[in-house]
């Protein structure tokens, strides 16, 4: 049996310190604005591409489900027709 702890301690002293964000008094420069704009553009572009991929995957999934259901209905119909057919 291992003597290593399996969980973190649950005491009040184990709580993480509050996160403080440093505040700067200097204005944001042109390079910073361009970098932020580029980052936002890249995030937006990536999100749009992921959304398109998810839409295509959902459409493919629906088509496969539809085909599987249609195949099952046809199989059931043929099975029922074979059971209703008079003996030869």
N, C-alpha and C. Protein backbone atom coordinates (compact mmCIF):
# COMPACT_ATOMS: atom_id res chain seq x y z
N UNK A 1 0.84 -1.17 0.00
CA UNK A 1 0.00 0.00 0.00
C UNK A 1 0.89 1.24 0.00
N UNK A 2 0.53 2.23 -0.77
CA UNK A 2 1.33 3.43 -0.88
C UNK A 2 1.06 4.38 0.28
N UNK A 3 2.09 5.06 0.70
CA UNK A 3 1.94 6.03 1.79
C UNK A 3 1.82 7.45 1.25
N UNK A 4 1.78 7.60 -0.09
CA UNK A 4 1.66 8.93 -0.67
C UNK A 4 0.23 9.44 -0.51
N UNK A 5 0.05 10.71 -0.25
CA UNK A 5 -1.32 11.24 -0.13
C UNK A 5 -2.02 11.21 -1.48
N UNK A 6 -3.30 10.88 -1.46
CA UNK A 6 -4.05 10.79 -2.71
C UNK A 6 -4.85 12.04 -3.01
N UNK A 7 -5.07 12.88 -2.01
CA UNK A 7 -5.84 14.11 -2.20
C UNK A 7 -5.10 15.27 -1.56
N UNK A 8 -5.41 16.45 -2.05
CA UNK A 8 -4.83 17.66 -1.46
C UNK A 8 -5.53 17.93 -0.13
N UNK A 9 -4.83 18.57 0.81
CA UNK A 9 -5.48 18.89 2.09
C UNK A 9 -6.64 19.85 1.88
N UNK A 10 -7.69 19.70 2.68
CA UNK A 10 -8.89 20.51 2.54
C UNK A 10 -9.03 21.50 3.68
N UNK A 11 -7.98 22.13 4.06
CA UNK A 11 -8.05 23.10 5.14
C UNK A 11 -8.08 24.51 4.57
N UNK A 12 -8.43 25.48 5.40
CA UNK A 12 -8.51 26.86 4.95
C UNK A 12 -7.14 27.41 4.58
N UNK A 13 -6.09 26.90 5.22
CA UNK A 13 -4.75 27.39 4.92
C UNK A 13 -4.26 26.91 3.55
N UNK A 14 -4.93 25.90 2.98
CA UNK A 14 -4.51 25.38 1.68
C UNK A 14 -5.16 26.13 0.54
N UNK A 15 -6.04 27.12 0.83
CA UNK A 15 -6.71 27.86 -0.22
C UNK A 15 -5.69 28.71 -0.98
N UNK A 16 -5.84 28.83 -2.30
CA UNK A 16 -4.89 29.61 -3.08
C UNK A 16 -5.03 31.11 -2.76
N UNK A 17 -3.92 31.81 -2.91
CA UNK A 17 -3.93 33.25 -2.67
C UNK A 17 -4.72 33.93 -3.78
N UNK A 18 -5.40 35.04 -3.48
CA UNK A 18 -6.16 35.74 -4.54
C UNK A 18 -5.22 36.26 -5.62
N UNK A 19 -5.70 36.21 -6.84
CA UNK A 19 -4.91 36.63 -7.99
C UNK A 19 -4.95 38.14 -8.10
N UNK A 20 -3.78 38.77 -8.19
CA UNK A 20 -3.71 40.21 -8.36
C UNK A 20 -3.13 40.50 -9.73
N UNK A 21 -3.76 41.42 -10.42
CA UNK A 21 -3.31 41.80 -11.76
C UNK A 21 -2.58 43.13 -11.64
N UNK A 22 -1.34 43.19 -12.12
CA UNK A 22 -0.60 44.46 -12.02
C UNK A 22 -1.21 45.52 -12.94
N UNK A 23 -1.32 46.72 -12.42
CA UNK A 23 -1.87 47.83 -13.19
C UNK A 23 -0.71 48.69 -13.65
N UNK A 24 -0.71 49.01 -14.94
CA UNK A 24 0.35 49.86 -15.48
C UNK A 24 -0.23 51.22 -15.81
N UNK A 25 0.57 52.26 -15.61
CA UNK A 25 0.12 53.62 -15.86
C UNK A 25 0.54 54.13 -17.23
N UNK A 26 1.38 53.37 -17.93
CA UNK A 26 1.84 53.87 -19.23
C UNK A 26 0.82 53.47 -20.31
N UNK A 27 0.70 54.28 -21.36
CA UNK A 27 -0.27 53.98 -22.42
C UNK A 27 0.16 52.75 -23.23
N UNK A 28 -0.80 52.13 -23.86
CA UNK A 28 -0.53 50.95 -24.68
C UNK A 28 0.05 51.43 -26.00
N UNK A 29 1.15 50.84 -26.40
CA UNK A 29 1.83 51.27 -27.62
C UNK A 29 1.21 50.66 -28.86
N UNK A 30 1.69 51.14 -30.00
CA UNK A 30 1.18 50.69 -31.29
C UNK A 30 1.43 49.19 -31.49
N UNK A 31 2.62 48.72 -31.12
CA UNK A 31 2.95 47.30 -31.27
C UNK A 31 2.04 46.44 -30.39
N UNK A 32 1.76 46.91 -29.18
CA UNK A 32 0.86 46.17 -28.30
C UNK A 32 -0.54 46.07 -28.90
N UNK A 33 -1.02 47.19 -29.44
CA UNK A 33 -2.35 47.17 -30.06
C UNK A 33 -2.39 46.24 -31.26
N UNK A 34 -1.33 46.27 -32.08
CA UNK A 34 -1.29 45.38 -33.24
C UNK A 34 -1.22 43.92 -32.81
N UNK A 35 -0.45 43.65 -31.77
CA UNK A 35 -0.34 42.29 -31.27
C UNK A 35 -1.68 41.80 -30.74
N UNK A 36 -2.37 42.66 -29.98
CA UNK A 36 -3.68 42.27 -29.47
C UNK A 36 -4.68 42.05 -30.61
N UNK A 37 -4.64 42.94 -31.60
CA UNK A 37 -5.56 42.80 -32.73
C UNK A 37 -5.26 41.52 -33.51
N UNK A 38 -3.98 41.21 -33.71
CA UNK A 38 -3.61 39.97 -34.40
C UNK A 38 -4.06 38.75 -33.61
N UNK A 39 -3.85 38.78 -32.30
CA UNK A 39 -4.29 37.66 -31.46
C UNK A 39 -5.79 37.47 -31.52
N UNK A 40 -6.54 38.56 -31.47
CA UNK A 40 -8.00 38.47 -31.55
C UNK A 40 -8.42 37.94 -32.92
N UNK A 41 -7.76 38.39 -33.98
CA UNK A 41 -8.09 37.91 -35.32
C UNK A 41 -7.82 36.41 -35.43
N UNK A 42 -6.67 35.97 -34.90
CA UNK A 42 -6.34 34.55 -34.96
C UNK A 42 -7.34 33.71 -34.17
N UNK A 43 -7.73 34.18 -32.98
CA UNK A 43 -8.72 33.45 -32.19
C UNK A 43 -10.06 33.37 -32.91
N UNK A 44 -10.48 34.48 -33.52
CA UNK A 44 -11.75 34.50 -34.25
C UNK A 44 -11.69 33.56 -35.45
N UNK A 45 -10.58 33.60 -36.16
CA UNK A 45 -10.42 32.72 -37.33
C UNK A 45 -10.45 31.25 -36.92
N UNK A 46 -9.74 30.94 -35.84
CA UNK A 46 -9.70 29.56 -35.36
C UNK A 46 -11.10 29.11 -34.92
N UNK A 47 -11.81 29.98 -34.21
CA UNK A 47 -13.17 29.63 -33.77
C UNK A 47 -14.09 29.41 -34.96
N UNK A 48 -13.96 30.21 -36.00
CA UNK A 48 -14.80 30.04 -37.19
C UNK A 48 -14.47 28.73 -37.89
N UNK A 49 -13.20 28.38 -37.96
CA UNK A 49 -12.83 27.11 -38.60
C UNK A 49 -13.34 25.92 -37.81
N UNK A 50 -13.24 26.00 -36.47
CA UNK A 50 -13.73 24.91 -35.63
C UNK A 50 -15.24 24.78 -35.77
N UNK A 51 -15.94 25.93 -35.85
CA UNK A 51 -17.39 25.90 -36.01
C UNK A 51 -17.77 25.23 -37.32
N UNK A 52 -17.06 25.53 -38.40
CA UNK A 52 -17.34 24.91 -39.69
C UNK A 52 -17.07 23.41 -39.64
N UNK A 53 -16.00 23.01 -38.99
CA UNK A 53 -15.67 21.58 -38.87
C UNK A 53 -16.75 20.86 -38.06
N UNK A 54 -17.20 21.50 -36.97
CA UNK A 54 -18.25 20.88 -36.15
C UNK A 54 -19.57 20.75 -36.93
N UNK A 55 -19.91 21.77 -37.72
CA UNK A 55 -21.13 21.69 -38.53
C UNK A 55 -21.04 20.54 -39.54
N UNK A 56 -19.88 20.41 -40.19
CA UNK A 56 -19.72 19.31 -41.16
C UNK A 56 -19.79 17.96 -40.46
N UNK A 57 -19.16 17.84 -39.30
CA UNK A 57 -19.19 16.58 -38.56
C UNK A 57 -20.61 16.24 -38.13
N UNK A 58 -21.37 17.25 -37.70
CA UNK A 58 -22.75 17.02 -37.30
C UNK A 58 -23.59 16.58 -38.50
N UNK A 59 -23.37 17.19 -39.65
CA UNK A 59 -24.11 16.80 -40.85
C UNK A 59 -23.78 15.37 -41.26
N UNK A 60 -22.51 15.00 -41.19
CA UNK A 60 -22.11 13.63 -41.52
C UNK A 60 -22.73 12.64 -40.53
N UNK A 61 -22.74 13.01 -39.26
CA UNK A 61 -23.32 12.14 -38.24
C UNK A 61 -24.82 11.94 -38.48
N UNK A 62 -25.53 13.03 -38.79
CA UNK A 62 -26.96 12.91 -39.08
C UNK A 62 -27.20 12.05 -40.30
N UNK A 63 -26.37 12.21 -41.34
CA UNK A 63 -26.54 11.41 -42.56
C UNK A 63 -26.30 9.93 -42.26
N UNK A 64 -25.29 9.62 -41.46
CA UNK A 64 -25.03 8.22 -41.11
C UNK A 64 -26.17 7.63 -40.29
N UNK A 65 -26.70 8.43 -39.34
CA UNK A 65 -27.83 7.95 -38.56
C UNK A 65 -29.04 7.70 -39.45
N UNK A 66 -29.30 8.63 -40.36
CA UNK A 66 -30.44 8.48 -41.28
C UNK A 66 -30.27 7.22 -42.13
N UNK A 67 -29.08 7.01 -42.67
CA UNK A 67 -28.84 5.82 -43.49
C UNK A 67 -29.00 4.54 -42.67
N UNK A 68 -28.51 4.55 -41.44
CA UNK A 68 -28.63 3.36 -40.59
C UNK A 68 -30.09 3.08 -40.26
N UNK A 69 -30.86 4.14 -39.98
CA UNK A 69 -32.28 3.94 -39.69
C UNK A 69 -33.03 3.43 -40.91
N UNK A 70 -32.71 3.98 -42.09
CA UNK A 70 -33.38 3.54 -43.32
C UNK A 70 -33.04 2.07 -43.60
N UNK A 71 -31.78 1.70 -43.42
CA UNK A 71 -31.37 0.31 -43.63
C UNK A 71 -32.10 -0.61 -42.66
N UNK A 72 -32.24 -0.18 -41.40
CA UNK A 72 -32.94 -0.99 -40.42
C UNK A 72 -34.43 -1.13 -40.77
N UNK A 73 -35.04 -0.04 -41.23
CA UNK A 73 -36.45 -0.11 -41.64
C UNK A 73 -36.62 -1.07 -42.82
N UNK A 74 -35.72 -0.98 -43.81
CA UNK A 74 -35.80 -1.89 -44.95
C UNK A 74 -35.62 -3.33 -44.51
N UNK A 75 -34.68 -3.58 -43.63
CA UNK A 75 -34.43 -4.92 -43.13
C UNK A 75 -35.66 -5.46 -42.39
N UNK A 76 -36.26 -4.60 -41.57
CA UNK A 76 -37.48 -5.00 -40.85
C UNK A 76 -38.62 -5.27 -41.82
N UNK A 77 -38.75 -4.45 -42.86
CA UNK A 77 -39.83 -4.64 -43.83
C UNK A 77 -39.65 -5.97 -44.56
N UNK A 78 -38.43 -6.25 -45.02
CA UNK A 78 -38.18 -7.53 -45.71
C UNK A 78 -38.41 -8.72 -44.78
N UNK A 79 -38.02 -8.58 -43.52
CA UNK A 79 -38.23 -9.65 -42.55
C UNK A 79 -39.73 -9.89 -42.35
N UNK A 80 -40.48 -8.78 -42.20
CA UNK A 80 -41.93 -8.91 -42.05
C UNK A 80 -42.58 -9.49 -43.29
N UNK A 81 -42.13 -9.08 -44.47
CA UNK A 81 -42.69 -9.60 -45.72
C UNK A 81 -42.39 -11.09 -45.86
N UNK A 82 -41.20 -11.50 -45.44
CA UNK A 82 -40.84 -12.92 -45.55
C UNK A 82 -41.69 -13.75 -44.59
N UNK A 83 -42.04 -13.21 -43.42
CA UNK A 83 -42.86 -13.95 -42.47
C UNK A 83 -44.31 -14.05 -42.92
N UNK A 84 -44.79 -13.06 -43.68
CA UNK A 84 -46.17 -13.06 -44.14
C UNK A 84 -46.36 -13.85 -45.44
N UNK A 85 -45.29 -14.17 -46.11
CA UNK A 85 -45.37 -14.90 -47.38
C UNK A 85 -45.87 -16.32 -47.12
N UNK A 86 -46.82 -16.77 -47.95
CA UNK A 86 -47.29 -18.15 -47.76
C UNK A 86 -46.18 -19.15 -48.06
N UNK A 87 -46.22 -20.30 -47.40
CA UNK A 87 -45.17 -21.29 -47.65
C UNK A 87 -45.22 -21.78 -49.09
N UNK A 88 -44.07 -22.09 -49.62
CA UNK A 88 -43.99 -22.52 -51.02
C UNK A 88 -44.31 -23.99 -51.18
